[in-house]
Amino acid sequence: MSLRDSLDLIRTVRPEAGTSALEHEIMAERAASLGAAEQRVAKAVAALASAAGDRSDCLVQARKAVWEYFVQRELIGFRKHNDVIQELKIPPEVLAGLGAMGKHL
């Protein structure tokens, strides 16, 4: 049975439940996507921290991952990032380059 079939069945029993089920699926997808973006940030920050020598590529990748993560957070309503900056230990050198990121991505 597909999601559409399930929603049609739910609507026949309780019409308002169909919308609720769809909203639940959307929220679950947002959470999974945000979690994946957070993992990309953690991986990029770790790669930057362990990089030796020329770190410019790692810095670019970390800035890109953080910028994308922040944009995704803002799209779902999270406007403040201070907590995740501390939690993910995003270094100031990564944050310093975010203002220009939107122009280059």
C-alpha atoms as a PDB file:
ATOM      1  CA  MET A   1       0.000   0.000   0.000  1.00  0.00           C
ATOM      2  CA  SER A   2       1.429   3.370  -0.972  1.00  0.00           C
ATOM      3  CA  LEU A   3       1.400   6.516   1.141  1.00  0.00           C
ATOM      4  CA  ARG A   4      -1.317   7.951  -1.108  1.00  0.00           C
ATOM      5  CA  ASP A   5      -3.482   4.855  -0.611  1.00  0.00           C
ATOM      6  CA  SER A   6      -2.965   5.106   3.146  1.00  0.00           C
ATOM      7  CA  LEU A   7      -3.922   8.782   3.148  1.00  0.00           C
ATOM      8  CA  ASP A   8      -7.046   8.090   1.088  1.00  0.00           C
ATOM      9  CA  LEU A   9      -8.105   5.385   3.529  1.00  0.00           C
ATOM     10  CA  ILE A  10      -7.441   7.639   6.517  1.00  0.00           C
ATOM     11  CA  ARG A  11      -9.428  10.489   4.941  1.00  0.00           C
ATOM     12  CA  THR A  12     -12.480   8.283   4.502  1.00  0.00           C
ATOM     13  CA  VAL A  13     -12.470   7.465   8.211  1.00  0.00           C
ATOM     14  CA  ARG A  14     -11.268  10.824   9.567  1.00  0.00           C
ATOM     15  CA  PRO A  15     -10.689  13.508   6.915  1.00  0.00           C
ATOM     16  CA  GLU A  16      -8.527  15.685   9.192  1.00  0.00           C
ATOM     17  CA  ALA A  17      -6.200  12.732   9.896  1.00  0.00           C
ATOM     18  CA  GLY A  18      -5.010  12.600   6.273  1.00  0.00           C
ATOM     19  CA  THR A  19      -3.481  16.035   6.573  1.00  0.00           C
ATOM     20  CA  SER A  20      -2.017  15.127   9.923  1.00  0.00           C
ATOM     21  CA  ALA A  21      -0.332  12.017   8.505  1.00  0.00           C
ATOM     22  CA  LEU A  22       1.144  14.010   5.648  1.00  0.00           C
ATOM     23  CA  GLU A  23       2.404  16.702   8.025  1.00  0.00           C
ATOM     24  CA  HIS A  24       4.005  13.982  10.138  1.00  0.00           C
ATOM     25  CA  GLU A  25       5.821  12.601   7.069  1.00  0.00           C
ATOM     26  CA  ILE A  26       7.047  16.082   6.132  1.00  0.00           C
ATOM     27  CA  MET A  27       8.319  16.727   9.660  1.00  0.00           C
ATOM     28  CA  ALA A  28      10.121  13.376   9.695  1.00  0.00           C
ATOM     29  CA  GLU A  29      11.772  14.167   6.366  1.00  0.00           C
ATOM     30  CA  ARG A  30      12.865  17.590   7.608  1.00  0.00           C
ATOM     31  CA  ALA A  31      14.361  16.065  10.744  1.00  0.00           C
ATOM     32  CA  ALA A  32      16.240  13.407   8.771  1.00  0.00           C
ATOM     33  CA  SER A  33      17.543  15.956   6.302  1.00  0.00           C
ATOM     34  CA  LEU A  34      18.634  18.325   9.057  1.00  0.00           C
ATOM     35  CA  GLY A  35      20.370  15.458  10.857  1.00  0.00           C
ATOM     36  CA  ALA A  36      22.260  14.540   7.690  1.00  0.00           C
ATOM     37  CA  ALA A  37      23.319  18.173   7.206  1.00  0.00           C
ATOM     38  CA  GLU A  38      24.531  18.286  10.813  1.00  0.00           C
ATOM     39  CA  GLN A  39      26.599  15.143  10.212  1.00  0.00           C
ATOM     40  CA  ARG A  40      28.208  16.769   7.152  1.00  0.00           C
ATOM     41  CA  VAL A  41      29.144  19.755   9.327  1.00  0.00           C
ATOM     42  CA  ALA A  42      30.633  17.532  12.034  1.00  0.00           C
ATOM     43  CA  LYS A  43      32.635  15.603   9.440  1.00  0.00           C
ATOM     44  CA  ALA A  44      33.898  18.757   7.704  1.00  0.00           C
ATOM     45  CA  VAL A  45      34.874  20.428  11.005  1.00  0.00           C
ATOM     46  CA  ALA A  46      36.713  17.266  12.085  1.00  0.00           C
ATOM     47  CA  ALA A  47      38.556  17.114   8.750  1.00  0.00           C
ATOM     48  CA  LEU A  48      39.568  20.757   9.143  1.00  0.00           C
ATOM     49  CA  ALA A  49      40.790  20.169  12.696  1.00  0.00           C
ATOM     50  CA  SER A  50      42.943  17.223  11.635  1.00  0.00           C
ATOM     51  CA  ALA A  51      44.282  18.814   8.435  1.00  0.00           C
ATOM     52  CA  ALA A  52      47.975  19.568   8.301  1.00  0.00           C
ATOM     53  CA  GLY A  53      49.725  21.932   5.939  1.00  0.00           C
ATOM     54  CA  ASP A  54      47.483  23.669   3.431  1.00  0.00           C
ATOM     55  CA  ARG A  55      44.020  23.606   4.996  1.00  0.00           C
ATOM     56  CA  SER A  56      42.323  25.805   2.398  1.00  0.00           C
ATOM     57  CA  ASP A  57      40.320  22.981   0.766  1.00  0.00           C
ATOM     58  CA  CYS A  58      39.123  21.736   4.156  1.00  0.00           C
ATOM     59  CA  LEU A  59      38.199  25.290   5.147  1.00  0.00           C
ATOM     60  CA  VAL A  60      36.166  25.765   1.975  1.00  0.00           C
ATOM     61  CA  GLN A  61      34.351  22.452   2.528  1.00  0.00           C
ATOM     62  CA  ALA A  62      33.644  23.284   6.184  1.00  0.00           C
ATOM     63  CA  ARG A  63      32.265  26.715   5.278  1.00  0.00           C
ATOM     64  CA  LYS A  64      30.077  25.187   2.574  1.00  0.00           C
ATOM     65  CA  ALA A  65      28.704  22.510   4.929  1.00  0.00           C
ATOM     66  CA  VAL A  66      28.020  25.039   7.714  1.00  0.00           C
ATOM     67  CA  TRP A  67      26.407  27.528   5.337  1.00  0.00           C
ATOM     68  CA  GLU A  68      24.098  24.846   3.907  1.00  0.00           C
ATOM     69  CA  TYR A  69      23.242  23.644   7.415  1.00  0.00           C
ATOM     70  CA  PHE A  70      22.408  27.153   8.610  1.00  0.00           C
ATOM     71  CA  VAL A  71      20.242  27.818   5.551  1.00  0.00           C
ATOM     72  CA  GLN A  72      18.364  24.571   6.126  1.00  0.00           C
ATOM     73  CA  ARG A  73      17.867  25.387   9.812  1.00  0.00           C
ATOM     74  CA  GLU A  74      16.511  28.833   8.919  1.00  0.00           C
ATOM     75  CA  LEU A  75      14.118  27.395   6.332  1.00  0.00           C
ATOM     76  CA  ILE A  76      12.441  25.306   9.004  1.00  0.00           C
ATOM     77  CA  GLY A  77      12.327  28.130  11.522  1.00  0.00           C
ATOM     78  CA  PHE A  78      15.536  27.943  13.567  1.00  0.00           C
ATOM     79  CA  ARG A  79      16.951  31.455  13.377  1.00  0.00           C
ATOM     80  CA  LYS A  80      19.613  31.325  16.091  1.00  0.00           C
ATOM     81  CA  HIS A  81      22.674  29.152  15.659  1.00  0.00           C
ATOM     82  CA  ASN A  82      24.708  29.879  18.808  1.00  0.00           C
ATOM     83  CA  ASP A  83      23.858  26.551  20.442  1.00  0.00           C
ATOM     84  CA  VAL A  84      24.853  24.435  17.448  1.00  0.00           C
ATOM     85  CA  ILE A  85      28.000  26.494  16.890  1.00  0.00           C
ATOM     86  CA  GLN A  86      29.108  25.557  20.394  1.00  0.00           C
ATOM     87  CA  GLU A  87      27.822  21.992  20.255  1.00  0.00           C
ATOM     88  CA  LEU A  88      29.519  21.233  16.923  1.00  0.00           C
ATOM     89  CA  LYS A  89      32.621  23.257  17.868  1.00  0.00           C
ATOM     90  CA  ILE A  90      32.528  25.265  14.650  1.00  0.00           C
ATOM     91  CA  PRO A  91      35.719  27.337  14.668  1.00  0.00           C
ATOM     92  CA  PRO A  92      35.714  31.116  14.166  1.00  0.00           C
ATOM     93  CA  GLU A  93      37.710  30.761  10.936  1.00  0.00           C
ATOM     94  CA  VAL A  94      34.792  28.832   9.424  1.00  0.00           C
ATOM     95  CA  LEU A  95      32.198  31.321  10.637  1.00  0.00           C
ATOM     96  CA  ALA A  96      34.253  34.286   9.405  1.00  0.00           C
ATOM     97  CA  GLY A  97      33.780  33.246   5.777  1.00  0.00           C
ATOM     98  CA  LEU A  98      30.054  32.551   5.819  1.00  0.00           C
ATOM     99  CA  GLY A  99      28.906  36.016   4.819  1.00  0.00           C
ATOM    100  CA  ALA A 100      30.271  35.617   1.322  1.00  0.00           C
ATOM    101  CA  MET A 101      29.238  31.992   0.854  1.00  0.00           C
ATOM    102  CA  GLY A 102      25.858  32.691  -0.705  1.00  0.00           C
ATOM    103  CA  LYS A 103      27.553  34.518  -3.578  1.00  0.00           C
ATOM    104  CA  HIS A 104      29.724  31.534  -4.482  1.00  0.00           C
ATOM    105  CA  LEU A 105      27.358  28.578  -4.122  1.00  0.00           C
END
